[in-house]
Amino acid sequence: MSSSASALVRRHWLDTLLLLVPVGLALEAYGSDPLWVFGAAGLAIVPLAGWMGRATEHLASRLGEGIGGLLNATFGNAAELIIALFALREGLHEVVKASITGSIIGNVLLVLGLSMVAGGMRYTVQDFNRSAASMGASLLLLSAIGLVVPTVFHALGPGAADERGLSLEIAVVLFVTYLLSLLFSLRTHRHLYVGEESAGADEHPGAWSRRRSFVVLMLTSGLIAVMAELLVGSVEHAAMALGLTEVFVGVILVAIVGNAAEHSTAVLVAIRGKMDLAVHIAIGSSLQIALFVAPVLLFTSHLFGTPMDLVFTPFEVFSVVLAVLAVNHIVSDGECNWMEGVQLLAVYLILGLAFYFLPATP
C-alpha cells in the first residue's frame, strides 16, 4: 500500500472518532463517571484537530505559512480562552493562571520539540525564517518579564490592591504589544511571514477555497471548545482519583488538553517539511496566550467583579523563563534537527516532573 493510500485509510479511521462528540455530550448530560467523559472528549478532539490542521494547511498554501500559523494559533487558543472564562466565572484564579503558564511552556517546549523530532525523522536539517522566529522569541522574553515583575512585586509585599493595579497596567502593555505585533507581521513586515508555499498555491488542484477552509476552521474550533470544556470539567475529578495536585492539573494536564489542536497540526506540517509553519504555530500560540489571552482574562475578571492579578508562583515564573531561554537558543540559527527537538522535550519532562512532585499550596 502506498504512503498516500495508508494516510487516507488512517484519516478515515480517525474520522470515526468523531462519533465520540455526541457520545461525550450524552455522557455529560446523564451525569456519567467523569473518567468516561474525559476519555470520550479527549479522543473526540483527535479527529477535530486533524481537520483543523488540514484547513490551516490549505489556508497557509494560499496566504503564506506565517499567516496560516497565526490563524491556527488563534483558532487553537479559542478553546483555552473559553475554558478559562468559565473557570474565571467560578473564581478559580489559580487554576486559570496555572493553565496560562502551562500553555506557554507546553507550546514552546512540547509542541515545538515534538515537531522538530517528527520532522527530523524525515529531514536531516529543516530551515525556517530566522528573523520571524527570533522576533517571536523576543516577544516571548517580553512575556516572561510581564510575569516576573508582578511576582517580584508581590514578594516585596506592598499590598493586594497595588498588585492588582500593577497587573492591570502590565496587561494593557502586553495587549497593546500584541496588537502592534499583528501590525508588524500582517502589514509592515509581512514578507517575513509569507513563506515559500504562497507562490503558485492557487494552481494546486487539490487546494481548498479560502471560504471552505475558514468554515472548517470555525466549525472544528467550536467543537473543540465544547469538547475541551467537557475535558477540563472532568479532568479535575480524574486527577483527584490519580492523586495529582491542582498545580500539576493546571500546568500540565489542562494545558496539554487545551493545546491538542496545535500539537497535532504542528507535528503534521513538520513531517511534511513545513517547519516555518510549525515554528509559527508553536511560538505564535504561546505569544497569543501571554500577550492576548492572559490580558483578556484579566480584563474580564474585573468585569466579573473578582479581579485577577498576574502574580504567579515562583516556580511557575522560573519555568517560563527557562522555557523562553531554551527556545531562544534553539531558534537563533534558523534551522533545526531532531536532536534539538529532543532537548526541548527533555526540558519539558524535567519541568513536568518538578510540577508533579511540587507539594500543593495550602
Protein backbone atom coordinates (compact mmCIF):
# COMPACT_ATOMS: atom_id res chain seq x y z
CA MET A 1 0.00 0.00 0.00
CA SER A 2 1.37 3.42 -0.96
CA SER A 3 2.06 6.09 1.64
CA SER A 4 -0.80 8.25 0.34
CA ALA A 5 -3.22 5.32 0.50
CA SER A 6 -2.07 4.49 4.03
CA ALA A 7 -2.59 8.12 5.08
CA LEU A 8 -6.11 8.03 3.59
CA VAL A 9 -7.04 4.85 5.49
CA ARG A 10 -5.61 6.30 8.71
CA ARG A 11 -7.57 9.54 8.20
CA HIS A 12 -10.88 7.71 7.69
CA TRP A 13 -10.22 5.56 10.75
CA LEU A 14 -9.57 8.65 12.86
CA ASP A 15 -12.70 10.31 11.49
CA THR A 16 -14.80 7.53 13.03
CA LEU A 17 -13.78 9.01 16.39
CA LEU A 18 -16.00 12.00 15.53
CA LEU A 19 -18.86 9.81 16.80
CA LEU A 20 -17.47 10.43 20.27
CA VAL A 21 -18.54 14.10 20.06
CA PRO A 22 -22.24 13.29 20.68
CA VAL A 23 -21.21 10.43 22.98
CA GLY A 24 -19.25 12.83 25.19
CA LEU A 25 -22.17 15.26 25.28
CA ALA A 26 -24.57 12.46 26.21
CA LEU A 27 -22.30 11.17 28.97
CA GLU A 28 -22.07 14.66 30.43
CA ALA A 29 -25.83 15.23 30.16
CA TYR A 30 -26.62 11.98 32.00
CA GLY A 31 -24.06 12.64 34.74
CA SER A 32 -21.81 9.69 33.93
CA ASP A 33 -18.48 8.97 35.59
CA PRO A 34 -16.10 11.89 34.85
CA LEU A 35 -13.43 9.41 33.73
CA TRP A 36 -15.71 8.28 30.89
CA VAL A 37 -16.43 11.88 29.94
CA PHE A 38 -12.72 12.65 29.99
CA GLY A 39 -11.90 9.71 27.73
CA ALA A 40 -14.65 10.39 25.20
CA ALA A 41 -13.95 14.12 24.94
CA GLY A 42 -10.19 13.58 24.69
CA LEU A 43 -10.49 11.06 21.84
CA ALA A 44 -13.03 13.27 20.05
CA ILE A 45 -10.53 16.12 19.93
CA VAL A 46 -8.06 14.00 17.88
CA PRO A 47 -10.00 13.96 14.56
CA LEU A 48 -11.26 17.51 15.12
CA ALA A 49 -7.67 18.69 15.46
CA GLY A 50 -6.81 16.79 12.29
CA TRP A 51 -9.48 18.64 10.32
CA MET A 52 -8.31 21.92 11.79
CA GLY A 53 -4.78 21.08 10.66
CA ARG A 54 -5.93 20.36 7.11
CA ALA A 55 -7.86 23.62 6.90
CA THR A 56 -4.88 25.54 8.24
CA GLU A 57 -2.56 23.92 5.70
CA HIS A 58 -4.83 24.91 2.82
CA LEU A 59 -5.03 28.47 4.11
CA ALA A 60 -1.27 28.58 4.57
CA SER A 61 -0.79 27.46 0.96
CA ARG A 62 -2.76 30.49 -0.18
CA LEU A 63 -1.87 33.11 2.44
CA GLY A 64 1.63 32.01 3.46
CA GLU A 65 2.88 29.87 6.31
CA GLY A 66 3.18 32.75 8.77
CA ILE A 67 -0.46 33.78 8.29
CA GLY A 68 -1.51 30.14 8.43
CA GLY A 69 0.36 29.70 11.69
CA LEU A 70 -1.30 32.82 13.11
CA LEU A 71 -4.74 31.51 12.16
CA ASN A 72 -4.03 28.12 13.67
CA ALA A 73 -2.79 29.64 16.91
CA THR A 74 -5.88 31.86 17.05
CA PHE A 75 -8.39 29.07 16.50
CA GLY A 76 -6.42 26.66 18.68
CA ASN A 77 -6.41 29.09 21.60
CA ALA A 78 -10.13 29.78 21.33
CA ALA A 79 -10.80 26.62 23.34
CA GLU A 80 -8.40 27.67 26.10
CA LEU A 81 -9.95 31.13 26.27
CA ILE A 82 -13.47 29.74 26.61
CA ILE A 83 -12.38 27.23 29.25
CA ALA A 84 -10.58 29.92 31.23
CA LEU A 85 -13.61 32.24 31.08
CA PHE A 86 -15.77 29.54 32.66
CA ALA A 87 -13.12 29.00 35.33
CA LEU A 88 -12.95 32.74 35.98
CA ARG A 89 -16.69 32.88 36.47
CA GLU A 90 -16.27 30.25 39.19
CA GLY A 91 -13.43 32.27 40.79
CA LEU A 92 -10.75 29.64 40.06
CA HIS A 93 -7.97 32.18 39.55
CA GLU A 94 -5.11 29.87 40.48
CA VAL A 95 -6.21 27.22 38.00
CA VAL A 96 -6.53 29.85 35.28
CA LYS A 97 -3.04 31.22 35.95
CA ALA A 98 -1.57 27.73 36.08
CA SER A 99 -3.11 26.92 32.70
CA ILE A 100 -1.62 30.14 31.26
CA THR A 101 1.92 29.27 32.30
CA GLY A 102 1.37 25.64 31.30
CA SER A 103 0.24 26.66 27.82
CA ILE A 104 3.29 28.87 27.30
CA ILE A 105 5.64 26.11 28.45
CA GLY A 106 3.80 23.40 26.57
CA ASN A 107 3.81 25.19 23.23
CA VAL A 108 7.46 26.23 23.13
CA LEU A 109 8.82 23.01 24.62
CA LEU A 110 6.38 20.15 23.98
CA VAL A 111 4.77 21.22 20.69
CA LEU A 112 7.92 22.64 19.12
CA GLY A 113 10.02 19.76 20.47
CA LEU A 114 7.69 17.10 19.05
CA SER A 115 7.58 18.96 15.72
CA MET A 116 11.36 19.05 15.44
CA VAL A 117 11.67 15.36 16.33
CA ALA A 118 8.91 14.31 13.91
CA GLY A 119 10.28 16.43 11.07
CA GLY A 120 13.83 15.34 11.86
CA MET A 121 12.87 11.71 11.26
CA ARG A 122 12.42 12.55 7.56
CA TYR A 123 14.76 15.51 7.04
CA THR A 124 18.31 15.79 8.31
CA VAL A 125 18.01 19.58 8.71
CA GLN A 126 14.92 21.78 8.44
CA ASP A 127 15.20 25.51 7.79
CA PHE A 128 12.82 28.25 8.89
CA ASN A 129 12.77 32.03 8.74
CA ARG A 130 15.32 33.12 11.32
CA SER A 131 14.14 36.74 11.52
CA ALA A 132 10.48 35.82 12.13
CA ALA A 133 11.38 33.14 14.68
CA SER A 134 13.77 35.49 16.51
CA MET A 135 11.09 38.18 16.67
CA GLY A 136 8.66 35.68 18.19
CA ALA A 137 11.27 34.51 20.69
CA SER A 138 11.99 38.13 21.68
CA LEU A 139 8.30 38.74 22.29
CA LEU A 140 8.26 35.62 24.45
CA LEU A 141 11.03 37.18 26.53
CA LEU A 142 8.84 40.26 26.99
CA SER A 143 6.04 37.94 28.11
CA ALA A 144 8.33 36.37 30.69
CA ILE A 145 9.18 39.83 32.01
CA GLY A 146 5.46 40.53 32.30
CA LEU A 147 5.17 37.50 34.60
CA VAL A 148 8.34 38.12 36.60
CA VAL A 149 7.67 41.74 37.57
CA PRO A 150 4.28 41.22 39.33
CA THR A 151 5.68 38.17 41.14
CA VAL A 152 8.73 40.07 42.39
CA PHE A 153 6.47 43.00 43.29
CA HIS A 154 4.34 40.58 45.33
CA ALA A 155 7.45 39.33 47.16
CA LEU A 156 8.13 42.89 48.29
CA GLY A 157 4.72 42.89 49.98
CA PRO A 158 3.19 46.27 49.02
CA GLY A 159 -0.41 45.02 49.24
CA ALA A 160 -3.02 43.20 47.20
CA ALA A 161 -4.65 46.39 45.86
CA ASP A 162 -1.35 47.63 44.45
CA GLU A 163 -0.66 44.20 42.94
CA ARG A 164 -3.98 44.20 41.11
CA GLY A 165 -3.37 47.73 39.85
CA LEU A 166 0.11 46.88 38.60
CA SER A 167 -1.18 43.69 36.97
CA LEU A 168 -3.89 45.61 35.13
CA GLU A 169 -1.43 48.16 33.79
CA ILE A 170 1.02 45.46 32.70
CA ALA A 171 -1.83 43.63 30.96
CA VAL A 172 -2.57 46.80 28.98
CA VAL A 173 1.09 46.99 27.89
CA LEU A 174 1.07 43.31 26.84
CA PHE A 175 -2.20 43.71 24.94
CA VAL A 176 -1.00 46.80 23.05
CA THR A 177 2.25 44.99 22.24
CA TYR A 178 0.23 42.11 20.80
CA LEU A 179 -1.75 44.48 18.57
CA LEU A 180 1.48 46.07 17.34
CA SER A 181 2.94 42.61 16.66
CA LEU A 182 -0.05 41.92 14.41
CA LEU A 183 0.64 45.15 12.54
CA PHE A 184 4.27 44.05 12.16
CA SER A 185 3.50 40.53 10.91
CA LEU A 186 0.46 41.30 8.76
CA ARG A 187 1.37 44.66 7.26
CA THR A 188 4.78 46.31 7.65
CA HIS A 189 6.90 43.10 7.59
CA ARG A 190 4.51 40.63 6.05
CA HIS A 191 7.24 39.31 3.74
CA LEU A 192 8.93 37.64 6.74
CA TYR A 193 5.83 35.55 7.43
CA VAL A 194 4.53 34.75 3.95
CA GLY A 195 6.67 31.64 3.44
CA GLU A 196 7.60 29.84 0.28
CA GLU A 197 4.32 27.97 -0.17
CA SER A 198 2.29 31.02 -1.13
CA ALA A 199 3.86 31.22 -4.57
CA GLY A 200 1.71 29.39 -7.08
CA ALA A 201 -0.50 27.92 -4.42
CA ASP A 202 -3.70 28.76 -6.29
CA GLU A 203 -2.63 26.40 -9.04
CA HIS A 204 -2.65 23.36 -6.73
CA PRO A 205 -5.53 21.16 -7.97
CA GLY A 206 -6.44 19.82 -4.51
CA ALA A 207 -6.37 23.12 -2.64
CA TRP A 208 -9.49 24.14 -0.74
CA SER A 209 -11.01 27.54 -1.30
CA ARG A 210 -10.48 30.17 1.38
CA ARG A 211 -14.18 30.08 2.21
CA ARG A 212 -14.20 26.31 2.73
CA SER A 213 -11.04 26.50 4.84
CA PHE A 214 -12.47 29.22 7.08
CA VAL A 215 -15.77 27.33 7.52
CA VAL A 216 -13.94 24.14 8.53
CA LEU A 217 -11.74 26.11 10.92
CA MET A 218 -14.71 27.75 12.62
CA LEU A 219 -16.70 24.52 12.93
CA THR A 220 -13.80 22.47 14.27
CA SER A 221 -12.66 25.18 16.68
CA GLY A 222 -16.21 25.43 18.06
CA LEU A 223 -16.49 21.68 18.57
CA ILE A 224 -13.00 21.52 20.07
CA ALA A 225 -14.02 24.24 22.52
CA VAL A 226 -17.08 22.22 23.57
CA MET A 227 -15.09 19.01 23.97
CA ALA A 228 -12.27 20.81 25.77
CA GLU A 229 -14.80 22.25 28.22
CA LEU A 230 -16.04 18.73 28.97
CA LEU A 231 -12.47 17.55 29.34
CA VAL A 232 -11.48 20.24 31.79
CA GLY A 233 -14.70 19.80 33.71
CA SER A 234 -13.87 16.14 34.23
CA VAL A 235 -10.07 16.22 34.40
CA GLU A 236 -10.07 17.52 37.98
CA HIS A 237 -12.05 14.51 39.16
CA ALA A 238 -9.75 12.20 37.22
CA ALA A 239 -6.71 13.93 38.70
CA MET A 240 -8.05 13.50 42.23
CA ALA A 241 -8.57 9.80 41.60
CA LEU A 242 -4.96 9.56 40.44
CA GLY A 243 -3.62 11.62 43.35
CA LEU A 244 -2.44 14.63 41.27
CA THR A 245 -2.15 18.18 42.64
CA GLU A 246 -4.15 21.14 41.37
CA VAL A 247 -0.99 22.86 40.13
CA PHE A 248 0.01 19.83 38.06
CA VAL A 249 -3.50 19.62 36.64
CA GLY A 250 -3.45 23.27 35.57
CA VAL A 251 0.12 23.48 34.29
CA ILE A 252 0.37 20.08 32.60
CA LEU A 253 -2.97 18.34 32.01
CA VAL A 254 -5.21 21.31 31.24
CA ALA A 255 -2.51 22.87 29.05
CA ILE A 256 -1.99 19.67 27.05
CA VAL A 257 -5.72 19.25 26.57
CA GLY A 258 -6.22 22.87 25.53
CA ASN A 259 -3.33 22.71 23.06
CA ALA A 260 -4.30 19.40 21.45
CA ALA A 261 -5.09 21.12 18.15
CA GLU A 262 -1.71 22.84 17.96
CA HIS A 263 0.08 19.60 18.94
CA SER A 264 -1.25 17.58 16.02
CA THR A 265 -1.13 20.36 13.44
CA ALA A 266 2.43 21.44 14.18
CA VAL A 267 3.71 17.85 14.11
CA LEU A 268 1.79 17.11 10.90
CA VAL A 269 3.19 20.08 8.97
CA ALA A 270 6.71 19.44 10.31
CA ILE A 271 6.59 15.89 8.93
CA ARG A 272 5.68 17.40 5.57
CA GLY A 273 8.73 19.65 5.62
CA LYS A 274 6.93 22.88 6.54
CA MET A 275 9.00 23.80 9.58
CA ASP A 276 8.23 27.50 9.13
CA LEU A 277 4.56 26.81 9.76
CA ALA A 278 5.32 24.51 12.71
CA VAL A 279 7.51 27.18 14.36
CA HIS A 280 4.87 29.86 13.78
CA ILE A 281 2.19 27.64 15.34
CA ALA A 282 4.21 26.78 18.46
CA ILE A 283 5.71 30.20 19.18
CA GLY A 284 2.66 32.09 17.91
CA SER A 285 0.33 30.15 20.17
CA SER A 286 2.47 30.91 23.23
CA LEU A 287 2.55 34.57 22.28
CA GLN A 288 -1.21 34.70 21.95
CA ILE A 289 -1.61 33.10 25.36
CA ALA A 290 0.80 35.56 27.02
CA LEU A 291 0.00 38.77 25.12
CA PHE A 292 -3.67 38.31 24.26
CA VAL A 293 -5.44 35.59 26.26
CA ALA A 294 -3.88 36.50 29.64
CA PRO A 295 -4.73 40.24 29.37
CA VAL A 296 -8.25 39.49 28.12
CA LEU A 297 -8.81 37.15 31.05
CA LEU A 298 -7.56 39.79 33.48
CA PHE A 299 -9.81 42.45 31.93
CA THR A 300 -12.77 40.05 32.08
CA SER A 301 -12.11 39.23 35.73
CA HIS A 302 -12.65 42.91 36.55
CA LEU A 303 -15.97 42.80 34.68
CA PHE A 304 -16.94 39.72 36.73
CA GLY A 305 -16.22 41.70 39.90
CA THR A 306 -13.44 39.30 41.02
CA PRO A 307 -10.22 40.98 39.82
CA MET A 308 -7.38 38.60 39.00
CA ASP A 309 -3.70 39.52 39.22
CA LEU A 310 -0.61 38.37 37.33
CA VAL A 311 1.16 37.08 40.43
CA PHE A 312 2.30 33.54 39.70
CA THR A 313 4.10 31.08 41.93
CA PRO A 314 7.92 31.43 41.87
CA PHE A 315 8.38 28.03 40.25
CA GLU A 316 5.86 28.85 37.50
CA VAL A 317 7.79 32.01 36.66
CA PHE A 318 11.09 30.15 36.84
CA SER A 319 9.76 27.51 34.44
CA VAL A 320 8.54 30.06 31.90
CA VAL A 321 11.89 31.87 31.95
CA LEU A 322 13.77 28.60 31.42
CA ALA A 323 11.46 27.64 28.55
CA VAL A 324 11.90 31.02 26.86
CA LEU A 325 15.69 30.88 27.20
CA ALA A 326 15.73 27.35 25.74
CA VAL A 327 13.63 28.21 22.70
CA ASN A 328 15.62 31.42 22.09
CA HIS A 329 18.79 29.36 21.90
CA ILE A 330 17.28 26.70 19.62
CA VAL A 331 15.77 29.06 17.01
CA SER A 332 18.68 31.52 16.90
CA ASP A 333 20.33 29.89 13.86
CA GLY A 334 17.22 29.47 11.70
CA GLU A 335 17.50 25.68 11.38
CA CYS A 336 16.79 22.61 13.46
CA ASN A 337 17.23 18.86 13.65
CA TRP A 338 15.67 16.04 15.65
CA MET A 339 18.23 16.26 18.46
CA GLU A 340 17.29 19.88 19.17
CA GLY A 341 13.70 18.70 19.50
CA VAL A 342 14.84 16.09 22.00
CA GLN A 343 16.49 18.83 24.04
CA LEU A 344 13.26 20.83 24.21
CA LEU A 345 11.32 17.72 25.20
CA ALA A 346 13.89 16.93 27.89
CA VAL A 347 13.42 20.37 29.43
CA TYR A 348 9.64 19.90 29.35
CA LEU A 349 9.89 16.48 31.03
CA ILE A 350 12.20 17.84 33.74
CA LEU A 351 9.77 20.68 34.49
CA GLY A 352 6.82 18.29 34.37
CA LEU A 353 8.47 16.01 36.92
CA ALA A 354 9.13 19.00 39.17
CA PHE A 355 5.49 20.10 38.97
CA TYR A 356 4.38 16.54 39.71
CA PHE A 357 6.40 16.41 42.94
CA LEU A 358 5.69 20.04 43.86
CA PRO A 359 3.55 19.98 47.01
CA ALA A 360 0.14 21.58 46.90
CA THR A 361 -0.08 25.10 48.30
CA PRO A 362 -2.18 25.42 51.45
